[in-house]
N, C-alpha and C. Protein backbone atom coordinates (compact mmCIF):
# COMPACT_ATOMS: atom_id res chain seq x y z
N MET A 1 0.83 -1.18 0.00
CA MET A 1 0.00 0.00 0.00
C MET A 1 0.88 1.25 0.00
N ILE A 2 0.53 2.20 -0.80
CA ILE A 2 1.29 3.44 -0.90
C ILE A 2 0.84 4.41 0.19
N LYS A 3 1.80 4.96 0.90
CA LYS A 3 1.50 5.95 1.93
C LYS A 3 1.52 7.33 1.29
N ILE A 4 0.47 8.09 1.50
CA ILE A 4 0.39 9.45 0.95
C ILE A 4 0.69 10.44 2.06
N VAL A 5 1.66 11.30 1.80
CA VAL A 5 2.00 12.39 2.73
C VAL A 5 1.85 13.70 1.95
N PRO A 6 0.73 14.40 2.16
CA PRO A 6 0.56 15.66 1.46
C PRO A 6 1.63 16.68 1.87
N VAL A 7 2.09 17.43 0.90
CA VAL A 7 3.06 18.50 1.14
C VAL A 7 2.42 19.81 0.69
N ILE A 8 2.42 20.78 1.58
CA ILE A 8 1.87 22.10 1.28
C ILE A 8 3.01 23.10 1.32
N ILE A 9 3.13 23.88 0.26
CA ILE A 9 4.16 24.92 0.21
C ILE A 9 3.46 26.24 0.42
N SER A 10 3.85 26.93 1.48
CA SER A 10 3.17 28.16 1.87
C SER A 10 4.17 29.29 2.03
N GLY A 11 4.04 30.26 1.19
CA GLY A 11 4.95 31.40 1.30
C GLY A 11 4.74 32.36 0.17
N GLY A 12 5.79 32.93 -0.27
CA GLY A 12 5.74 33.91 -1.34
C GLY A 12 6.12 35.29 -0.83
N VAL A 13 6.38 36.16 -1.78
CA VAL A 13 6.79 37.52 -1.43
C VAL A 13 5.65 38.51 -1.49
N GLY A 14 4.47 38.04 -1.87
CA GLY A 14 3.30 38.91 -1.85
C GLY A 14 3.28 39.96 -2.94
N SER A 15 3.90 39.67 -4.09
CA SER A 15 3.97 40.67 -5.15
C SER A 15 2.96 40.47 -6.28
N ARG A 16 2.51 39.25 -6.48
CA ARG A 16 1.66 38.97 -7.65
C ARG A 16 0.26 39.53 -7.53
N LEU A 17 -0.29 39.55 -6.33
CA LEU A 17 -1.65 40.05 -6.15
C LEU A 17 -1.69 41.32 -5.30
N TRP A 18 -0.62 42.09 -5.34
CA TRP A 18 -0.55 43.31 -4.56
C TRP A 18 -1.67 44.23 -5.02
N PRO A 19 -2.39 44.95 -4.18
CA PRO A 19 -2.16 45.17 -2.75
C PRO A 19 -2.87 44.18 -1.83
N ILE A 20 -3.63 43.25 -2.38
CA ILE A 20 -4.32 42.26 -1.54
C ILE A 20 -3.29 41.35 -0.87
N SER A 21 -2.27 40.98 -1.61
CA SER A 21 -1.21 40.12 -1.11
C SER A 21 0.02 40.98 -0.84
N ARG A 22 0.61 40.77 0.35
CA ARG A 22 1.79 41.54 0.73
C ARG A 22 2.84 40.59 1.32
N ALA A 23 4.00 41.10 1.61
CA ALA A 23 5.11 40.25 2.08
C ALA A 23 4.73 39.40 3.28
N LEU A 24 4.09 39.96 4.29
CA LEU A 24 3.73 39.18 5.48
C LEU A 24 2.28 38.70 5.42
N HIS A 25 1.67 38.82 4.28
CA HIS A 25 0.30 38.31 4.08
C HIS A 25 0.17 37.87 2.63
N PRO A 26 0.95 36.83 2.22
CA PRO A 26 0.93 36.38 0.83
C PRO A 26 -0.38 35.69 0.46
N LYS A 27 -0.52 35.37 -0.80
CA LYS A 27 -1.80 34.88 -1.32
C LYS A 27 -2.39 33.67 -0.62
N PRO A 28 -1.62 32.74 -0.03
CA PRO A 28 -2.29 31.64 0.67
C PRO A 28 -3.18 32.10 1.83
N PHE A 29 -2.96 33.32 2.31
CA PHE A 29 -3.69 33.82 3.48
C PHE A 29 -4.77 34.84 3.12
N ILE A 30 -5.04 35.00 1.84
CA ILE A 30 -6.11 35.89 1.42
C ILE A 30 -7.44 35.24 1.82
N LEU A 31 -8.28 36.02 2.49
CA LEU A 31 -9.55 35.50 2.97
C LEU A 31 -10.58 35.50 1.84
N LEU A 32 -11.11 34.32 1.56
CA LEU A 32 -12.17 34.12 0.59
C LEU A 32 -13.46 33.83 1.36
N PRO A 33 -14.61 33.81 0.69
CA PRO A 33 -15.85 33.55 1.42
C PRO A 33 -15.85 32.24 2.23
N GLU A 34 -15.17 31.22 1.75
CA GLU A 34 -15.16 29.93 2.44
C GLU A 34 -13.92 29.75 3.32
N GLY A 35 -13.11 30.74 3.48
CA GLY A 35 -11.87 30.64 4.26
C GLY A 35 -10.67 30.97 3.40
N THR A 36 -9.49 30.88 3.98
CA THR A 36 -8.28 31.20 3.23
C THR A 36 -7.88 30.03 2.32
N LEU A 37 -7.05 30.33 1.34
CA LEU A 37 -6.57 29.28 0.44
C LEU A 37 -5.80 28.21 1.20
N ILE A 38 -4.96 28.62 2.14
CA ILE A 38 -4.16 27.65 2.89
C ILE A 38 -5.05 26.76 3.75
N ARG A 39 -6.06 27.33 4.36
CA ARG A 39 -6.98 26.55 5.20
C ARG A 39 -7.74 25.54 4.35
N LYS A 40 -8.21 25.97 3.19
CA LYS A 40 -8.95 25.07 2.30
C LYS A 40 -8.04 23.96 1.78
N THR A 41 -6.80 24.29 1.48
CA THR A 41 -5.84 23.29 0.99
C THR A 41 -5.56 22.25 2.07
N TYR A 42 -5.33 22.70 3.28
CA TYR A 42 -5.08 21.78 4.39
C TYR A 42 -6.29 20.89 4.65
N ALA A 43 -7.47 21.47 4.63
CA ALA A 43 -8.69 20.69 4.86
C ALA A 43 -8.85 19.59 3.81
N ARG A 44 -8.54 19.91 2.55
CA ARG A 44 -8.61 18.88 1.49
C ARG A 44 -7.55 17.80 1.72
N ALA A 45 -6.37 18.20 2.15
CA ALA A 45 -5.28 17.24 2.35
C ALA A 45 -5.61 16.23 3.43
N VAL A 46 -6.16 16.69 4.55
CA VAL A 46 -6.43 15.77 5.67
C VAL A 46 -7.67 14.91 5.42
N GLU A 47 -8.44 15.24 4.40
CA GLU A 47 -9.61 14.42 4.07
C GLU A 47 -9.24 13.21 3.20
N ILE A 48 -8.02 13.17 2.68
CA ILE A 48 -7.58 12.04 1.87
C ILE A 48 -7.50 10.81 2.75
N GLU A 49 -8.10 9.73 2.30
CA GLU A 49 -8.13 8.50 3.09
C GLU A 49 -6.71 8.02 3.42
N GLY A 50 -6.48 7.74 4.69
CA GLY A 50 -5.20 7.21 5.13
C GLY A 50 -4.15 8.25 5.49
N VAL A 51 -4.44 9.52 5.28
CA VAL A 51 -3.45 10.57 5.59
C VAL A 51 -3.40 10.78 7.10
N ASP A 52 -2.19 10.64 7.65
CA ASP A 52 -2.00 10.87 9.08
C ASP A 52 -0.84 11.83 9.35
N HIS A 53 -0.31 12.41 8.28
CA HIS A 53 0.85 13.30 8.40
C HIS A 53 0.82 14.30 7.24
N VAL A 54 0.94 15.58 7.55
CA VAL A 54 1.01 16.62 6.53
C VAL A 54 2.30 17.41 6.76
N VAL A 55 3.05 17.61 5.69
CA VAL A 55 4.29 18.38 5.75
C VAL A 55 4.04 19.73 5.08
N THR A 56 4.43 20.79 5.77
CA THR A 56 4.29 22.13 5.22
C THR A 56 5.65 22.80 5.18
N VAL A 57 6.00 23.32 4.02
CA VAL A 57 7.23 24.10 3.88
C VAL A 57 6.83 25.56 3.86
N THR A 58 7.38 26.32 4.78
CA THR A 58 7.06 27.74 4.89
C THR A 58 8.30 28.46 5.42
N ASN A 59 8.15 29.71 5.77
CA ASN A 59 9.28 30.42 6.36
C ASN A 59 8.93 30.81 7.79
N ARG A 60 9.92 31.25 8.52
CA ARG A 60 9.72 31.56 9.94
C ARG A 60 8.66 32.63 10.16
N ASP A 61 8.59 33.60 9.26
CA ASP A 61 7.63 34.69 9.42
C ASP A 61 6.19 34.23 9.30
N LEU A 62 5.96 33.12 8.60
CA LEU A 62 4.59 32.65 8.36
C LEU A 62 4.22 31.42 9.18
N LEU A 63 5.12 30.92 9.99
CA LEU A 63 4.86 29.69 10.75
C LEU A 63 3.60 29.79 11.60
N PHE A 64 3.51 30.80 12.44
CA PHE A 64 2.38 30.88 13.37
C PHE A 64 1.07 31.20 12.64
N LEU A 65 1.14 32.00 11.61
CA LEU A 65 -0.05 32.28 10.80
C LEU A 65 -0.56 31.00 10.14
N THR A 66 0.36 30.19 9.63
CA THR A 66 0.00 28.91 9.01
C THR A 66 -0.61 27.96 10.05
N ALA A 67 0.02 27.84 11.20
CA ALA A 67 -0.49 26.95 12.26
C ALA A 67 -1.87 27.40 12.72
N ASP A 68 -2.10 28.69 12.81
CA ASP A 68 -3.42 29.20 13.20
C ASP A 68 -4.47 28.83 12.17
N GLU A 69 -4.13 28.90 10.90
CA GLU A 69 -5.08 28.53 9.85
C GLU A 69 -5.41 27.04 9.92
N TYR A 70 -4.42 26.21 10.18
CA TYR A 70 -4.64 24.77 10.30
C TYR A 70 -5.54 24.46 11.50
N ALA A 71 -5.36 25.20 12.59
CA ALA A 71 -6.16 24.97 13.79
C ALA A 71 -7.64 25.21 13.54
N GLU A 72 -7.97 26.04 12.56
CA GLU A 72 -9.37 26.31 12.24
C GLU A 72 -10.08 25.08 11.68
N VAL A 73 -9.32 24.15 11.11
CA VAL A 73 -9.90 22.92 10.55
C VAL A 73 -9.15 21.71 11.11
N ALA A 74 -8.92 21.74 12.42
CA ALA A 74 -8.12 20.72 13.09
C ALA A 74 -8.56 19.31 12.70
N ALA A 75 -7.57 18.47 12.50
CA ALA A 75 -7.82 17.08 12.13
C ALA A 75 -7.20 16.19 13.20
N PRO A 76 -8.03 15.60 14.05
CA PRO A 76 -7.50 14.73 15.11
C PRO A 76 -6.69 13.57 14.53
N GLY A 77 -5.56 13.31 15.15
CA GLY A 77 -4.73 12.19 14.72
C GLY A 77 -3.80 12.49 13.56
N VAL A 78 -3.84 13.71 13.03
CA VAL A 78 -2.95 14.07 11.92
C VAL A 78 -1.77 14.84 12.48
N LYS A 79 -0.57 14.34 12.19
CA LYS A 79 0.66 15.00 12.61
C LYS A 79 1.02 16.08 11.59
N ASN A 80 1.36 17.26 12.08
CA ASN A 80 1.79 18.35 11.21
C ASN A 80 3.27 18.61 11.43
N THR A 81 4.02 18.61 10.34
CA THR A 81 5.43 18.95 10.39
C THR A 81 5.64 20.21 9.58
N PHE A 82 6.32 21.18 10.17
CA PHE A 82 6.63 22.43 9.49
C PHE A 82 8.13 22.48 9.23
N LEU A 83 8.50 22.57 7.97
CA LEU A 83 9.89 22.73 7.58
C LEU A 83 10.09 24.20 7.25
N LEU A 84 11.01 24.85 7.94
CA LEU A 84 11.18 26.29 7.81
C LEU A 84 12.38 26.64 6.93
N GLU A 85 12.09 27.40 5.90
CA GLU A 85 13.16 27.89 5.03
C GLU A 85 13.78 29.13 5.68
N PRO A 86 15.09 29.18 5.80
CA PRO A 86 15.71 30.37 6.39
C PRO A 86 15.62 31.59 5.47
N PHE A 87 15.51 31.33 4.17
CA PHE A 87 15.31 32.41 3.19
C PHE A 87 14.69 31.80 1.94
N ILE A 88 14.12 32.63 1.10
CA ILE A 88 13.38 32.17 -0.07
C ILE A 88 14.30 31.45 -1.04
N ARG A 89 13.86 30.25 -1.45
CA ARG A 89 14.64 29.43 -2.38
C ARG A 89 13.81 28.94 -3.56
N ASP A 90 12.61 29.41 -3.71
CA ASP A 90 11.71 29.03 -4.79
C ASP A 90 11.13 27.63 -4.59
N THR A 91 10.22 27.28 -5.48
CA THR A 91 9.42 26.07 -5.33
C THR A 91 10.23 24.78 -5.41
N ALA A 92 11.16 24.69 -6.33
CA ALA A 92 11.92 23.44 -6.51
C ALA A 92 12.68 23.06 -5.24
N ALA A 93 13.29 24.01 -4.60
CA ALA A 93 14.02 23.72 -3.36
C ALA A 93 13.06 23.29 -2.25
N ALA A 94 11.90 23.91 -2.17
CA ALA A 94 10.91 23.53 -1.16
C ALA A 94 10.44 22.09 -1.38
N ILE A 95 10.21 21.73 -2.63
CA ILE A 95 9.77 20.37 -2.95
C ILE A 95 10.87 19.37 -2.60
N ALA A 96 12.10 19.68 -2.93
CA ALA A 96 13.22 18.79 -2.62
C ALA A 96 13.37 18.60 -1.11
N LEU A 97 13.27 19.68 -0.35
CA LEU A 97 13.37 19.60 1.10
C LEU A 97 12.27 18.71 1.67
N ALA A 98 11.04 18.91 1.19
CA ALA A 98 9.91 18.10 1.67
C ALA A 98 10.09 16.63 1.30
N ALA A 99 10.53 16.36 0.08
CA ALA A 99 10.72 14.98 -0.36
C ALA A 99 11.78 14.27 0.50
N LEU A 100 12.88 14.95 0.77
CA LEU A 100 13.92 14.36 1.63
C LEU A 100 13.39 14.08 3.02
N HIS A 101 12.62 15.01 3.55
CA HIS A 101 12.05 14.82 4.89
C HIS A 101 11.12 13.60 4.92
N VAL A 102 10.26 13.50 3.92
CA VAL A 102 9.30 12.39 3.88
C VAL A 102 10.04 11.06 3.75
N ILE A 103 11.04 11.01 2.90
CA ILE A 103 11.81 9.77 2.72
C ILE A 103 12.46 9.35 4.04
N GLU A 104 13.02 10.31 4.76
CA GLU A 104 13.69 10.01 6.02
C GLU A 104 12.74 9.67 7.15
N SER A 105 11.49 10.14 7.06
CA SER A 105 10.56 9.93 8.18
C SER A 105 9.67 8.71 8.02
N ILE A 106 9.71 8.07 6.86
CA ILE A 106 8.86 6.89 6.64
C ILE A 106 9.53 5.65 7.19
């Protein structure tokens, strides 16, 4: 059986949707009628059958904001791991970091 570990990449510099999106409030945290994008993404991830661990790659500035969004749709029994980037490295580096973490933790 294949184990699925969803990986969520949360960050950005907040430039693409300015002024709605800003450096400390990037697009994953934009409030939509049904909640933020990050909250909706996390909720979909934990609904996948058999998921008991979610890995999120973010930066130190967004850690607590991300954790607060996850708490809004808390999933009992799901372990959350936050991998913190010390500085922006783009999507490929975030994916590589998450993949290495998942391989080492299985």
